[in-house]
C-alpha atoms as a PDB file:
ATOM      1  CA  VAL A   1     -12.588  27.308  20.077  1.00  0.00           C
ATOM      2  CA  PHE A   2     -14.492  30.555  19.637  1.00  0.00           C
ATOM      3  CA  ILE A   3     -16.217  31.688  16.468  1.00  0.00           C
ATOM      4  CA  VAL A   4     -15.342  35.363  15.981  1.00  0.00           C
ATOM      5  CA  ASN A   5     -17.971  37.442  14.217  1.00  0.00           C
ATOM      6  CA  ILE A   6     -15.668  39.557  12.055  1.00  0.00           C
ATOM      7  CA  VAL A   7     -18.588  41.021  10.084  1.00  0.00           C
ATOM      8  CA  LEU A   8     -20.280  42.345  13.225  1.00  0.00           C
ATOM      9  CA  LYS A   9     -16.986  43.645  14.604  1.00  0.00           C
ATOM     10  CA  GLN A  10     -16.272  45.571  11.392  1.00  0.00           C
ATOM     11  CA  ALA A  11     -19.826  46.936  11.174  1.00  0.00           C
ATOM     12  CA  LEU A  12     -19.564  48.272  14.731  1.00  0.00           C
ATOM     13  CA  ALA A  13     -16.156  49.796  14.002  1.00  0.00           C
ATOM     14  CA  VAL A  14     -17.315  51.829  11.001  1.00  0.00           C
ATOM     15  CA  HIS A  15     -20.775  52.869  12.241  1.00  0.00           C
ATOM     16  CA  GLU A  16     -21.223  56.352  13.704  1.00  0.00           C
ATOM     17  CA  ILE A  17     -23.079  55.022  16.760  1.00  0.00           C
ATOM     18  CA  PRO A  18     -20.614  53.685  19.366  1.00  0.00           C
ATOM     19  CA  ALA A  19     -20.822  50.001  20.275  1.00  0.00           C
ATOM     20  CA  TYR A  20     -21.854  50.783  23.850  1.00  0.00           C
ATOM     21  CA  LYS A  21     -24.913  52.658  22.526  1.00  0.00           C
ATOM     22  CA  ILE A  22     -25.853  49.631  20.388  1.00  0.00           C
ATOM     23  CA  ALA A  23     -25.558  47.468  23.514  1.00  0.00           C
ATOM     24  CA  GLU A  24     -27.851  49.887  25.380  1.00  0.00           C
ATOM     25  CA  LYS A  25     -30.456  49.645  22.604  1.00  0.00           C
ATOM     26  CA  VAL A  26     -30.436  45.869  23.040  1.00  0.00           C
ATOM     27  CA  GLY A  27     -30.721  46.271  26.811  1.00  0.00           C
ATOM     28  CA  ARG A  28     -27.352  44.628  27.377  1.00  0.00           C
ATOM     29  CA  SER A  29     -23.908  45.672  28.558  1.00  0.00           C
ATOM     30  CA  PRO A  30     -20.982  46.515  26.286  1.00  0.00           C
ATOM     31  CA  GLY A  31     -19.251  43.460  27.755  1.00  0.00           C
ATOM     32  CA  TRP A  32     -22.065  41.247  26.515  1.00  0.00           C
ATOM     33  CA  LEU A  33     -21.771  42.720  23.015  1.00  0.00           C
ATOM     34  CA  SER A  34     -18.039  42.034  23.105  1.00  0.00           C
ATOM     35  CA  MET A  35     -18.796  38.441  24.068  1.00  0.00           C
ATOM     36  CA  VAL A  36     -21.185  38.156  21.105  1.00  0.00           C
ATOM     37  CA  ILE A  37     -18.430  39.356  18.784  1.00  0.00           C
ATOM     38  CA  ARG A  38     -15.998  36.816  20.268  1.00  0.00           C
ATOM     39  CA  GLY A  39     -18.531  33.984  20.024  1.00  0.00           C
ATOM     40  CA  MET A  40     -18.854  33.596  23.786  1.00  0.00           C
ATOM     41  CA  ALA A  41     -22.524  34.653  23.888  1.00  0.00           C
ATOM     42  CA  GLU A  42     -25.391  34.035  21.488  1.00  0.00           C
ATOM     43  CA  PRO A  43     -27.946  36.813  21.043  1.00  0.00           C
ATOM     44  CA  SER A  44     -31.617  35.964  20.700  1.00  0.00           C
ATOM     45  CA  GLU A  45     -33.327  36.524  17.364  1.00  0.00           C
ATOM     46  CA  LEU A  46     -34.854  39.735  18.735  1.00  0.00           C
ATOM     47  CA  GLU A  47     -31.454  40.955  19.951  1.00  0.00           C
ATOM     48  CA  LYS A  48     -29.959  40.191  16.527  1.00  0.00           C
ATOM     49  CA  GLN A  49     -32.737  42.223  14.906  1.00  0.00           C
ATOM     50  CA  VAL A  50     -32.173  45.207  17.205  1.00  0.00           C
ATOM     51  CA  ILE A  51     -28.418  45.118  16.516  1.00  0.00           C
ATOM     52  CA  ALA A  52     -29.005  44.852  12.763  1.00  0.00           C
ATOM     53  CA  ASP A  53     -31.577  47.675  12.758  1.00  0.00           C
ATOM     54  CA  SER A  54     -29.255  49.891  14.797  1.00  0.00           C
ATOM     55  CA  LEU A  55     -26.414  49.307  12.337  1.00  0.00           C
ATOM     56  CA  GLU A  56     -28.718  49.647   9.309  1.00  0.00           C
ATOM     57  CA  ARG A  57     -27.834  46.128   8.155  1.00  0.00           C
ATOM     58  CA  ARG A  58     -29.660  42.830   7.621  1.00  0.00           C
ATOM     59  CA  VAL A  59     -29.549  40.142  10.309  1.00  0.00           C
ATOM     60  CA  GLY A  60     -28.179  37.614   7.810  1.00  0.00           C
ATOM     61  CA  GLU A  61     -25.393  39.998   6.892  1.00  0.00           C
ATOM     62  CA  LEU A  62     -24.236  40.523  10.491  1.00  0.00           C
ATOM     63  CA  PHE A  63     -24.792  37.000  11.726  1.00  0.00           C
ATOM     64  CA  PRO A  64     -23.662  34.705   8.907  1.00  0.00           C
ATOM     65  CA  ALA A  65     -23.849  30.973   9.428  1.00  0.00           C
ATOM     66  CA  ASN A  66     -20.073  30.586   9.086  1.00  0.00           C
ATOM     67  CA  SER A  67     -17.824  33.058  10.867  1.00  0.00           C
ATOM     68  CA  GLU A  68     -14.068  32.883  11.298  1.00  0.00           C
ATOM     69  CA  VAL A  69     -12.933  30.258  13.811  1.00  0.00           C
ATOM     70  CA  LEU A  70      -9.993  31.131  16.073  1.00  0.00           C
END
């Protein structure tokens, strides 16, 4: 069972900065960011903050406590 972060996935899809650039800002690979979206990797609090800042969103908005379970 993976918890898919739909909010993060949508935010990355509509933002003008490509997802791979967001991953670079975090110092991670695009594959890692994909794993975060699919619930297979958990970013640190600092990584969450960098992602949120890059997408001009709040951490709590992008990383809600309850995401969709697939």
